[in-house]
């Protein structure tokens, strides 16, 4: 075999390898990402169902926000928070009577760009603070920020209304 033929064969092998890599990047990788996302959503759903079944809740208000879930059982007066978005997973069922103060907290980075939006709940008896993320710039798209900020305000208001013993107080009726 002469060198020209060997060079053509080598070029065809390299071209074939590049084509195989392109197929992997365009077909296989998105399929793997879809499978991971589906598995993560299934785990979130299982965690929500398990928490609801363990606490014997009847969720009236609920919302999935990415890999996070927030729900409320008005009758049993409990708030369900499940966060599987980051490395640290959080699964909580909080009685509304334990919530003393609630706030919507925004965090900014060094360039004054909004980094995160949280619903902060403070325990009435031991002053322990719990933060439930609504927006995280590392995981959520920036164009979702206005919607997720409004959802945080909605849930803060909902918690504030239903944490009172009588449900909606006199202020809510006026």
N, C-alpha and C. Protein backbone atom coordinates (compact mmCIF):
# COMPACT_ATOMS: atom_id res chain seq x y z
N UNK A 1 0.84 -1.18 0.00
CA UNK A 1 0.00 0.00 0.00
C UNK A 1 0.88 1.23 0.00
N UNK A 2 0.50 2.15 -0.79
CA UNK A 2 1.30 3.36 -0.82
C UNK A 2 0.76 4.37 0.19
N UNK A 3 1.52 5.42 0.42
CA UNK A 3 1.19 6.41 1.45
C UNK A 3 -0.09 7.18 1.12
N UNK A 4 -0.37 7.42 -0.12
CA UNK A 4 -1.58 8.15 -0.50
C UNK A 4 -2.82 7.36 -0.13
N UNK A 5 -2.79 6.04 -0.37
CA UNK A 5 -3.93 5.18 -0.02
C UNK A 5 -4.11 5.10 1.49
N UNK A 6 -3.00 4.99 2.22
CA UNK A 6 -3.07 4.96 3.68
C UNK A 6 -3.65 6.27 4.22
N UNK A 7 -3.29 7.41 3.64
CA UNK A 7 -3.79 8.71 4.06
C UNK A 7 -5.30 8.81 3.82
N UNK A 8 -5.78 8.28 2.67
CA UNK A 8 -7.21 8.31 2.37
C UNK A 8 -7.99 7.44 3.34
N UNK A 9 -7.43 6.28 3.66
CA UNK A 9 -8.10 5.39 4.62
C UNK A 9 -8.15 6.05 6.00
N UNK A 10 -7.07 6.68 6.41
CA UNK A 10 -7.02 7.37 7.70
C UNK A 10 -8.03 8.51 7.76
N UNK A 11 -8.13 9.26 6.66
CA UNK A 11 -9.09 10.37 6.60
C UNK A 11 -10.52 9.83 6.67
N UNK A 12 -10.79 8.71 6.03
CA UNK A 12 -12.14 8.14 6.08
C UNK A 12 -12.46 7.65 7.50
N UNK A 13 -11.48 7.09 8.21
CA UNK A 13 -11.70 6.69 9.59
C UNK A 13 -11.98 7.90 10.48
N UNK A 14 -11.23 8.96 10.29
CA UNK A 14 -11.43 10.18 11.08
C UNK A 14 -12.80 10.78 10.78
N UNK A 15 -13.19 10.83 9.51
CA UNK A 15 -14.50 11.36 9.13
C UNK A 15 -15.61 10.49 9.73
N UNK A 16 -15.43 9.17 9.69
CA UNK A 16 -16.43 8.27 10.29
C UNK A 16 -16.54 8.49 11.79
N UNK A 17 -15.40 8.68 12.46
CA UNK A 17 -15.41 8.95 13.90
C UNK A 17 -16.12 10.25 14.22
N UNK A 18 -15.89 11.27 13.41
CA UNK A 18 -16.55 12.56 13.62
C UNK A 18 -18.06 12.42 13.43
N UNK A 19 -18.47 11.68 12.43
CA UNK A 19 -19.90 11.48 12.18
C UNK A 19 -20.54 10.74 13.35
N UNK A 20 -19.86 9.73 13.87
CA UNK A 20 -20.39 8.98 15.02
C UNK A 20 -20.50 9.90 16.23
N UNK A 21 -19.51 10.74 16.47
CA UNK A 21 -19.57 11.69 17.58
C UNK A 21 -20.73 12.67 17.42
N UNK A 22 -20.95 13.15 16.21
CA UNK A 22 -22.07 14.07 15.97
C UNK A 22 -23.40 13.39 16.25
N UNK A 23 -23.53 12.13 15.84
CA UNK A 23 -24.76 11.38 16.11
C UNK A 23 -24.96 11.25 17.61
N UNK A 24 -23.88 10.95 18.34
CA UNK A 24 -23.97 10.83 19.80
C UNK A 24 -24.43 12.14 20.43
N UNK A 25 -23.84 13.25 20.00
CA UNK A 25 -24.20 14.54 20.59
C UNK A 25 -25.60 14.98 20.23
N UNK A 26 -26.08 14.67 19.05
CA UNK A 26 -27.40 15.15 18.63
C UNK A 26 -28.54 14.22 19.00
N UNK A 27 -28.28 12.94 19.17
CA UNK A 27 -29.36 12.00 19.45
C UNK A 27 -29.24 11.39 20.84
N UNK A 28 -28.09 10.88 21.18
CA UNK A 28 -27.95 10.13 22.42
C UNK A 28 -27.96 11.03 23.66
N UNK A 29 -27.21 12.12 23.64
CA UNK A 29 -27.15 12.99 24.82
C UNK A 29 -28.50 13.60 25.18
N UNK A 30 -29.27 14.14 24.23
CA UNK A 30 -30.60 14.64 24.62
C UNK A 30 -31.50 13.54 25.18
N UNK A 31 -31.38 12.32 24.67
CA UNK A 31 -32.18 11.22 25.20
C UNK A 31 -31.78 10.92 26.64
N UNK A 32 -30.50 10.97 26.93
CA UNK A 32 -30.04 10.74 28.31
C UNK A 32 -30.55 11.85 29.22
N UNK A 33 -30.50 13.10 28.75
CA UNK A 33 -31.00 14.22 29.56
C UNK A 33 -32.49 14.07 29.83
N UNK A 34 -33.26 13.68 28.80
CA UNK A 34 -34.70 13.47 28.98
C UNK A 34 -34.97 12.39 30.02
N UNK A 35 -34.20 11.32 29.96
CA UNK A 35 -34.38 10.21 30.90
C UNK A 35 -34.07 10.66 32.33
N UNK A 36 -33.00 11.44 32.51
CA UNK A 36 -32.65 11.94 33.84
C UNK A 36 -33.74 12.87 34.37
N UNK A 37 -34.23 13.76 33.49
CA UNK A 37 -35.29 14.69 33.90
C UNK A 37 -36.55 13.91 34.29
N UNK A 38 -36.92 12.93 33.51
CA UNK A 38 -38.10 12.13 33.80
C UNK A 38 -37.94 11.40 35.14
N UNK A 39 -36.77 10.84 35.38
CA UNK A 39 -36.50 10.12 36.63
C UNK A 39 -36.58 11.08 37.82
N UNK A 40 -36.03 12.28 37.66
CA UNK A 40 -36.06 13.26 38.73
C UNK A 40 -37.49 13.69 39.05
N UNK A 41 -38.31 13.87 38.01
CA UNK A 41 -39.72 14.24 38.22
C UNK A 41 -40.48 13.10 38.88
N UNK A 42 -40.19 11.87 38.48
CA UNK A 42 -40.83 10.71 39.11
C UNK A 42 -40.47 10.64 40.60
N UNK A 43 -39.20 10.87 40.93
CA UNK A 43 -38.78 10.86 42.33
C UNK A 43 -39.46 11.96 43.13
N UNK A 44 -39.61 13.15 42.52
CA UNK A 44 -40.31 14.25 43.18
C UNK A 44 -41.78 13.88 43.43
N UNK A 45 -42.42 13.31 42.44
CA UNK A 45 -43.83 12.91 42.57
C UNK A 45 -43.99 11.84 43.64
N UNK A 46 -43.09 10.85 43.67
CA UNK A 46 -43.15 9.80 44.69
C UNK A 46 -42.97 10.39 46.09
N UNK A 47 -42.03 11.33 46.23
CA UNK A 47 -41.80 11.96 47.53
C UNK A 47 -43.03 12.73 47.99
N UNK A 48 -43.68 13.44 47.07
CA UNK A 48 -44.91 14.19 47.40
C UNK A 48 -46.01 13.24 47.84
N UNK A 49 -46.22 12.19 47.07
CA UNK A 49 -47.27 11.22 47.41
C UNK A 49 -47.00 10.54 48.74
N UNK A 50 -45.73 10.19 48.99
CA UNK A 50 -45.36 9.54 50.24
C UNK A 50 -45.62 10.47 51.43
N UNK A 51 -45.22 11.73 51.30
CA UNK A 51 -45.41 12.70 52.37
C UNK A 51 -46.89 12.96 52.63
N UNK A 52 -47.67 13.05 51.58
CA UNK A 52 -49.11 13.27 51.72
C UNK A 52 -49.77 12.06 52.37
N UNK A 53 -49.36 10.84 51.98
CA UNK A 53 -49.94 9.63 52.56
C UNK A 53 -49.53 9.46 54.03
N UNK A 54 -48.26 9.72 54.35
CA UNK A 54 -47.79 9.59 55.73
C UNK A 54 -48.52 10.55 56.66
N UNK A 55 -48.77 11.75 56.20
CA UNK A 55 -49.40 12.78 57.04
C UNK A 55 -50.92 12.78 56.90
N UNK A 56 -51.44 11.92 56.04
CA UNK A 56 -52.89 11.82 55.79
C UNK A 56 -53.49 13.18 55.44
N UNK A 57 -52.96 13.75 54.39
CA UNK A 57 -53.38 15.08 53.97
C UNK A 57 -54.31 15.02 52.76
N UNK A 58 -55.08 16.07 52.61
CA UNK A 58 -55.91 16.28 51.42
C UNK A 58 -55.50 17.64 50.85
N UNK A 59 -54.57 17.63 49.93
CA UNK A 59 -54.00 18.86 49.39
C UNK A 59 -55.05 19.58 48.54
N UNK A 60 -55.31 20.83 48.90
CA UNK A 60 -56.25 21.65 48.14
C UNK A 60 -55.54 22.54 47.14
N UNK A 61 -54.51 23.23 47.61
CA UNK A 61 -53.72 24.11 46.75
C UNK A 61 -52.36 23.45 46.54
N UNK A 62 -51.91 23.38 45.30
CA UNK A 62 -50.59 22.80 45.06
C UNK A 62 -50.00 23.36 43.78
N UNK A 63 -48.68 23.24 43.70
CA UNK A 63 -48.00 23.76 42.53
C UNK A 63 -46.63 23.08 42.39
N UNK A 64 -46.34 22.64 41.18
CA UNK A 64 -45.01 22.14 40.84
C UNK A 64 -44.25 23.28 40.19
N UNK A 65 -43.05 23.54 40.69
CA UNK A 65 -42.21 24.61 40.17
C UNK A 65 -40.85 23.98 39.88
N UNK A 66 -40.65 23.55 38.65
CA UNK A 66 -39.42 22.84 38.31
C UNK A 66 -39.35 21.54 39.08
N UNK A 67 -38.30 21.35 39.86
CA UNK A 67 -38.16 20.16 40.69
C UNK A 67 -38.55 20.46 42.13
N UNK A 68 -39.51 21.36 42.30
CA UNK A 68 -40.00 21.73 43.63
C UNK A 68 -41.53 21.60 43.65
N UNK A 69 -42.06 21.33 44.84
CA UNK A 69 -43.50 21.20 45.02
C UNK A 69 -43.88 21.93 46.30
N UNK A 70 -44.97 22.68 46.21
CA UNK A 70 -45.53 23.31 47.40
C UNK A 70 -47.03 23.06 47.37
N UNK A 71 -47.57 22.68 48.51
CA UNK A 71 -48.99 22.39 48.59
C UNK A 71 -49.52 22.68 49.98
N UNK A 72 -50.85 22.87 50.05
CA UNK A 72 -51.46 23.18 51.34
C UNK A 72 -52.72 22.37 51.53
N UNK A 73 -52.84 21.85 52.75
CA UNK A 73 -54.05 21.18 53.19
C UNK A 73 -54.74 22.14 54.14
N UNK A 74 -55.82 22.75 53.68
CA UNK A 74 -56.52 23.74 54.50
C UNK A 74 -57.22 23.10 55.68
N UNK A 75 -57.80 21.94 55.46
CA UNK A 75 -58.58 21.28 56.52
C UNK A 75 -57.67 20.88 57.69
N UNK A 76 -56.54 20.26 57.41
CA UNK A 76 -55.60 19.85 58.45
C UNK A 76 -54.60 20.95 58.78
N UNK A 77 -54.66 22.05 58.05
CA UNK A 77 -53.83 23.24 58.28
C UNK A 77 -52.34 22.90 58.27
N UNK A 78 -51.91 22.30 57.14
CA UNK A 78 -50.50 21.94 56.98
C UNK A 78 -50.00 22.38 55.62
N UNK A 79 -48.71 22.71 55.59
CA UNK A 79 -48.03 23.13 54.37
C UNK A 79 -47.01 22.06 54.01
N UNK A 80 -47.02 21.62 52.76
CA UNK A 80 -46.10 20.60 52.27
C UNK A 80 -45.08 21.27 51.36
N UNK A 81 -43.80 21.06 51.67
CA UNK A 81 -42.71 21.61 50.87
C UNK A 81 -41.77 20.48 50.48
N UNK A 82 -41.58 20.29 49.17
CA UNK A 82 -40.65 19.28 48.67
C UNK A 82 -39.75 19.97 47.66
N UNK A 83 -38.45 19.89 47.91
CA UNK A 83 -37.47 20.53 47.03
C UNK A 83 -36.42 19.50 46.63
N UNK A 84 -36.43 19.11 45.36
CA UNK A 84 -35.44 18.18 44.82
C UNK A 84 -34.61 18.87 43.75
N UNK A 85 -34.52 20.19 43.80
CA UNK A 85 -33.85 20.93 42.72
C UNK A 85 -32.33 20.90 42.84
N UNK A 86 -31.80 21.04 44.02
CA UNK A 86 -30.35 21.09 44.18
C UNK A 86 -29.80 19.77 44.71
N UNK A 87 -28.61 19.84 45.24
CA UNK A 87 -27.99 18.65 45.82
C UNK A 87 -28.66 18.28 47.14
N UNK A 88 -29.08 19.30 47.90
CA UNK A 88 -29.73 19.07 49.19
C UNK A 88 -31.24 18.92 48.97
N UNK A 89 -31.79 17.75 49.31
CA UNK A 89 -33.22 17.52 49.13
C UNK A 89 -33.95 17.85 50.43
N UNK A 90 -35.14 18.42 50.26
CA UNK A 90 -35.92 18.87 51.41
C UNK A 90 -37.35 18.36 51.24
N UNK A 91 -37.87 17.67 52.23
CA UNK A 91 -39.23 17.16 52.23
C UNK A 91 -39.84 17.43 53.59
N UNK A 92 -40.77 18.38 53.65
CA UNK A 92 -41.31 18.81 54.94
C UNK A 92 -42.83 18.93 54.90
N UNK A 93 -43.43 18.64 56.04
CA UNK A 93 -44.84 18.89 56.26
C UNK A 93 -44.92 19.74 57.52
N UNK A 94 -45.33 21.00 57.37
CA UNK A 94 -45.28 21.96 58.46
C UNK A 94 -46.70 22.35 58.88
N UNK A 95 -47.04 22.19 60.16
CA UNK A 95 -48.33 22.71 60.63
C UNK A 95 -48.34 24.23 60.53
N UNK A 96 -49.42 24.78 60.01
CA UNK A 96 -49.51 26.23 59.82
C UNK A 96 -49.46 26.99 61.13
N UNK A 97 -49.90 26.37 62.24
CA UNK A 97 -49.89 27.06 63.52
C UNK A 97 -48.46 27.28 64.02
N UNK A 98 -47.48 26.54 63.49
CA UNK A 98 -46.09 26.72 63.90
C UNK A 98 -45.41 27.89 63.19
N UNK A 99 -46.02 28.38 62.13
CA UNK A 99 -45.40 29.45 61.35
C UNK A 99 -45.71 30.79 62.00
N UNK A 100 -44.66 31.46 62.42
CA UNK A 100 -44.84 32.76 63.07
C UNK A 100 -44.79 33.90 62.08
N UNK A 101 -43.78 33.91 61.24
CA UNK A 101 -43.58 35.01 60.31
C UNK A 101 -43.22 34.44 58.95
N UNK A 102 -43.68 35.07 57.90
CA UNK A 102 -43.32 34.64 56.55
C UNK A 102 -42.91 35.86 55.73
N UNK A 103 -41.88 35.67 54.92
CA UNK A 103 -41.37 36.76 54.08
C UNK A 103 -40.95 36.20 52.73
N UNK A 104 -40.96 37.07 51.73
CA UNK A 104 -40.37 36.74 50.44
C UNK A 104 -39.00 37.42 50.43
N UNK A 105 -37.94 36.62 50.32
CA UNK A 105 -36.57 37.12 50.37
C UNK A 105 -35.95 37.02 48.98
N UNK A 106 -35.28 38.08 48.57
CA UNK A 106 -34.53 38.06 47.31
C UNK A 106 -33.05 38.21 47.61
N UNK A 107 -32.24 37.44 46.91
CA UNK A 107 -30.78 37.54 47.05
C UNK A 107 -30.21 38.03 45.74
N UNK A 108 -29.23 38.91 45.85
CA UNK A 108 -28.57 39.45 44.65
C UNK A 108 -27.10 39.09 44.69
N UNK A 109 -26.49 38.99 43.50
CA UNK A 109 -25.06 38.72 43.44
C UNK A 109 -24.29 40.04 43.47
N UNK A 110 -22.99 39.98 43.24
CA UNK A 110 -22.14 41.17 43.31
C UNK A 110 -22.51 42.25 42.30
N UNK A 111 -23.04 41.85 41.16
CA UNK A 111 -23.40 42.82 40.13
C UNK A 111 -24.85 43.29 40.25
N UNK A 112 -25.46 43.07 41.41
CA UNK A 112 -26.85 43.47 41.71
C UNK A 112 -27.88 42.75 40.83
N UNK A 113 -27.50 41.62 40.31
CA UNK A 113 -28.42 40.81 39.53
C UNK A 113 -29.10 39.82 40.47
N UNK A 114 -30.41 39.65 40.31
CA UNK A 114 -31.17 38.77 41.19
C UNK A 114 -30.69 37.32 41.05
N UNK A 115 -30.33 36.73 42.16
CA UNK A 115 -29.77 35.38 42.18
C UNK A 115 -30.79 34.35 42.64
N UNK A 116 -31.64 34.72 43.61
CA UNK A 116 -32.59 33.76 44.16
C UNK A 116 -33.78 34.47 44.79
N UNK A 117 -34.93 33.77 44.80
CA UNK A 117 -36.13 34.24 45.48
C UNK A 117 -36.59 33.09 46.37
N UNK A 118 -36.77 33.39 47.66
CA UNK A 118 -37.17 32.38 48.63
C UNK A 118 -38.44 32.80 49.35
N UNK A 119 -39.19 31.80 49.81
CA UNK A 119 -40.24 32.03 50.79
C UNK A 119 -39.61 31.63 52.12
N UNK A 120 -39.47 32.58 53.02
CA UNK A 120 -38.83 32.33 54.31
C UNK A 120 -39.92 32.20 55.37
N UNK A 121 -39.91 31.08 56.07
CA UNK A 121 -40.87 30.81 57.13
C UNK A 121 -40.13 30.70 58.45
N UNK A 122 -40.61 31.42 59.45
CA UNK A 122 -39.96 31.41 60.76
C UNK A 122 -40.86 30.67 61.75
N UNK A 123 -40.27 29.70 62.45
CA UNK A 123 -41.02 28.93 63.43
C UNK A 123 -41.38 29.82 64.61
N UNK A 124 -42.62 29.72 65.04
CA UNK A 124 -43.16 30.57 66.09
C UNK A 124 -42.50 30.29 67.45
N UNK A 125 -42.12 29.03 67.70
CA UNK A 125 -41.65 28.67 69.04
C UNK A 125 -40.13 28.64 69.18
N UNK A 126 -39.41 28.16 68.19
CA UNK A 126 -37.95 28.07 68.35
C UNK A 126 -37.18 29.02 67.41
N UNK A 127 -37.89 29.88 66.71
CA UNK A 127 -37.31 30.89 65.80
C UNK A 127 -36.43 30.28 64.71
N UNK A 128 -36.59 29.01 64.42
CA UNK A 128 -35.84 28.36 63.34
C UNK A 128 -36.39 28.87 62.00
N UNK A 129 -35.48 29.19 61.09
CA UNK A 129 -35.87 29.75 59.79
C UNK A 129 -35.76 28.68 58.72
N UNK A 130 -36.79 28.58 57.90
CA UNK A 130 -36.83 27.63 56.79
C UNK A 130 -36.98 28.44 55.51
N UNK A 131 -36.17 28.12 54.52
CA UNK A 131 -36.24 28.81 53.23
C UNK A 131 -36.64 27.82 52.15
N UNK A 132 -37.69 28.16 51.41
CA UNK A 132 -38.12 27.35 50.28
C UNK A 132 -37.86 28.16 49.01
N UNK A 133 -37.03 27.63 48.10
CA UNK A 133 -36.68 28.41 46.90
C UNK A 133 -37.79 28.40 45.85
N UNK A 134 -38.05 29.57 45.30
CA UNK A 134 -38.95 29.69 44.16
C UNK A 134 -38.17 29.93 42.88
N UNK A 135 -37.07 30.67 43.00
CA UNK A 135 -36.22 30.94 41.83
C UNK A 135 -34.77 30.80 42.25
N UNK A 136 -34.00 30.12 41.42
CA UNK A 136 -32.56 29.99 41.63
C UNK A 136 -31.90 30.17 40.27
N UNK A 137 -31.04 31.17 40.15
CA UNK A 137 -30.46 31.51 38.86
C UNK A 137 -29.60 30.38 38.28
N UNK A 138 -29.10 29.49 39.13
CA UNK A 138 -28.28 28.38 38.63
C UNK A 138 -29.13 27.28 38.01
N UNK A 139 -30.42 27.23 38.36
CA UNK A 139 -31.27 26.15 37.86
C UNK A 139 -32.44 26.61 37.01
N UNK A 140 -32.93 27.81 37.25
CA UNK A 140 -34.11 28.31 36.55
C UNK A 140 -33.71 29.33 35.49
N UNK A 141 -34.50 29.38 34.44
CA UNK A 141 -34.26 30.35 33.37
C UNK A 141 -34.60 31.75 33.85
N UNK A 142 -33.87 32.72 33.36
CA UNK A 142 -34.06 34.11 33.79
C UNK A 142 -35.44 34.64 33.40
N UNK A 143 -36.00 34.16 32.31
CA UNK A 143 -37.29 34.68 31.88
C UNK A 143 -38.43 34.18 32.78
N UNK A 144 -38.15 33.19 33.66
CA UNK A 144 -39.16 32.72 34.61
C UNK A 144 -39.22 33.58 35.88
N UNK A 145 -38.24 34.44 36.06
CA UNK A 145 -38.12 35.23 37.29
C UNK A 145 -39.39 36.00 37.65
N UNK A 146 -40.01 36.77 36.74
CA UNK A 146 -41.22 37.51 37.14
C UNK A 146 -42.35 36.59 37.59
N UNK A 147 -42.55 35.49 36.88
CA UNK A 147 -43.62 34.56 37.23
C UNK A 147 -43.35 33.90 38.58
N UNK A 148 -42.13 33.44 38.79
CA UNK A 148 -41.81 32.75 40.04
C UNK A 148 -41.82 33.72 41.23
N UNK A 149 -41.47 34.97 41.01
CA UNK A 149 -41.55 35.97 42.08
C UNK A 149 -43.01 36.20 42.49
N UNK A 150 -43.89 36.26 41.51
CA UNK A 150 -45.32 36.42 41.81
C UNK A 150 -45.87 35.20 42.54
N UNK A 151 -45.39 34.01 42.16
CA UNK A 151 -45.83 32.79 42.86
C UNK A 151 -45.36 32.79 44.31
N UNK A 152 -44.16 33.29 44.56
CA UNK A 152 -43.66 33.37 45.94
C UNK A 152 -44.54 34.30 46.77
N UNK A 153 -44.93 35.44 46.19
CA UNK A 153 -45.80 36.39 46.89
C UNK A 153 -47.18 35.76 47.12
N UNK A 154 -47.69 35.04 46.10
CA UNK A 154 -48.98 34.37 46.25
C UNK A 154 -48.95 33.37 47.41
N UNK A 155 -47.89 32.55 47.48
CA UNK A 155 -47.82 31.54 48.54
C UNK A 155 -47.59 32.17 49.90
N UNK A 156 -46.86 33.27 49.97
CA UNK A 156 -46.69 33.97 51.25
C UNK A 156 -48.06 34.46 51.74
N UNK A 157 -48.82 35.05 50.84
CA UNK A 157 -50.15 35.54 51.19
C UNK A 157 -51.07 34.40 51.60
N UNK A 158 -51.03 33.30 50.87
CA UNK A 158 -51.86 32.14 51.19
C UNK A 158 -51.51 31.58 52.57
N UNK A 159 -50.23 31.46 52.86
CA UNK A 159 -49.79 30.98 54.18
C UNK A 159 -50.25 31.94 55.27
N UNK A 160 -50.08 33.23 55.04
CA UNK A 160 -50.49 34.23 56.04
C UNK A 160 -51.98 34.17 56.33
N UNK A 161 -52.79 33.98 55.30
CA UNK A 161 -54.24 33.91 55.49
C UNK A 161 -54.63 32.67 56.26
N UNK A 162 -54.06 31.52 55.91
CA UNK A 162 -54.52 30.26 56.49
C UNK A 162 -53.80 29.87 57.78
N UNK A 163 -52.78 30.58 58.19
CA UNK A 163 -52.10 30.21 59.44
C UNK A 163 -52.87 30.69 60.67
N UNK A 164 -53.78 31.62 60.48
CA UNK A 164 -54.61 32.07 61.60
C UNK A 164 -55.60 30.98 61.95
N UNK A 165 -55.97 30.92 63.21
CA UNK A 165 -56.82 29.83 63.69
C UNK A 165 -58.17 29.82 63.01
N UNK A 166 -58.76 30.95 62.73
CA UNK A 166 -60.07 31.01 62.10
C UNK A 166 -60.02 30.98 60.59
N UNK A 167 -58.86 30.75 59.99
CA UNK A 167 -58.75 30.81 58.53
C UNK A 167 -58.63 32.26 58.11
N UNK A 168 -59.59 32.74 57.34
CA UNK A 168 -59.58 34.13 56.91
C UNK A 168 -60.07 34.99 58.07
N UNK A 169 -59.24 35.95 58.48
CA UNK A 169 -59.59 36.81 59.61
C UNK A 169 -60.50 37.94 59.20
N UNK A 170 -60.77 38.82 60.14
CA UNK A 170 -61.64 39.97 59.89
C UNK A 170 -61.02 40.87 58.83
N UNK A 171 -59.67 40.96 58.81
CA UNK A 171 -59.01 41.81 57.83
C UNK A 171 -59.29 41.33 56.41
N UNK A 172 -59.41 40.02 56.24
CA UNK A 172 -59.66 39.45 54.92
C UNK A 172 -61.07 39.71 54.44
N UNK A 173 -61.99 39.96 55.35
CA UNK A 173 -63.37 40.19 54.95
C UNK A 173 -63.64 41.64 54.60
N UNK A 174 -62.84 42.55 55.10
CA UNK A 174 -63.08 43.97 54.84
C UNK A 174 -62.51 44.43 53.54
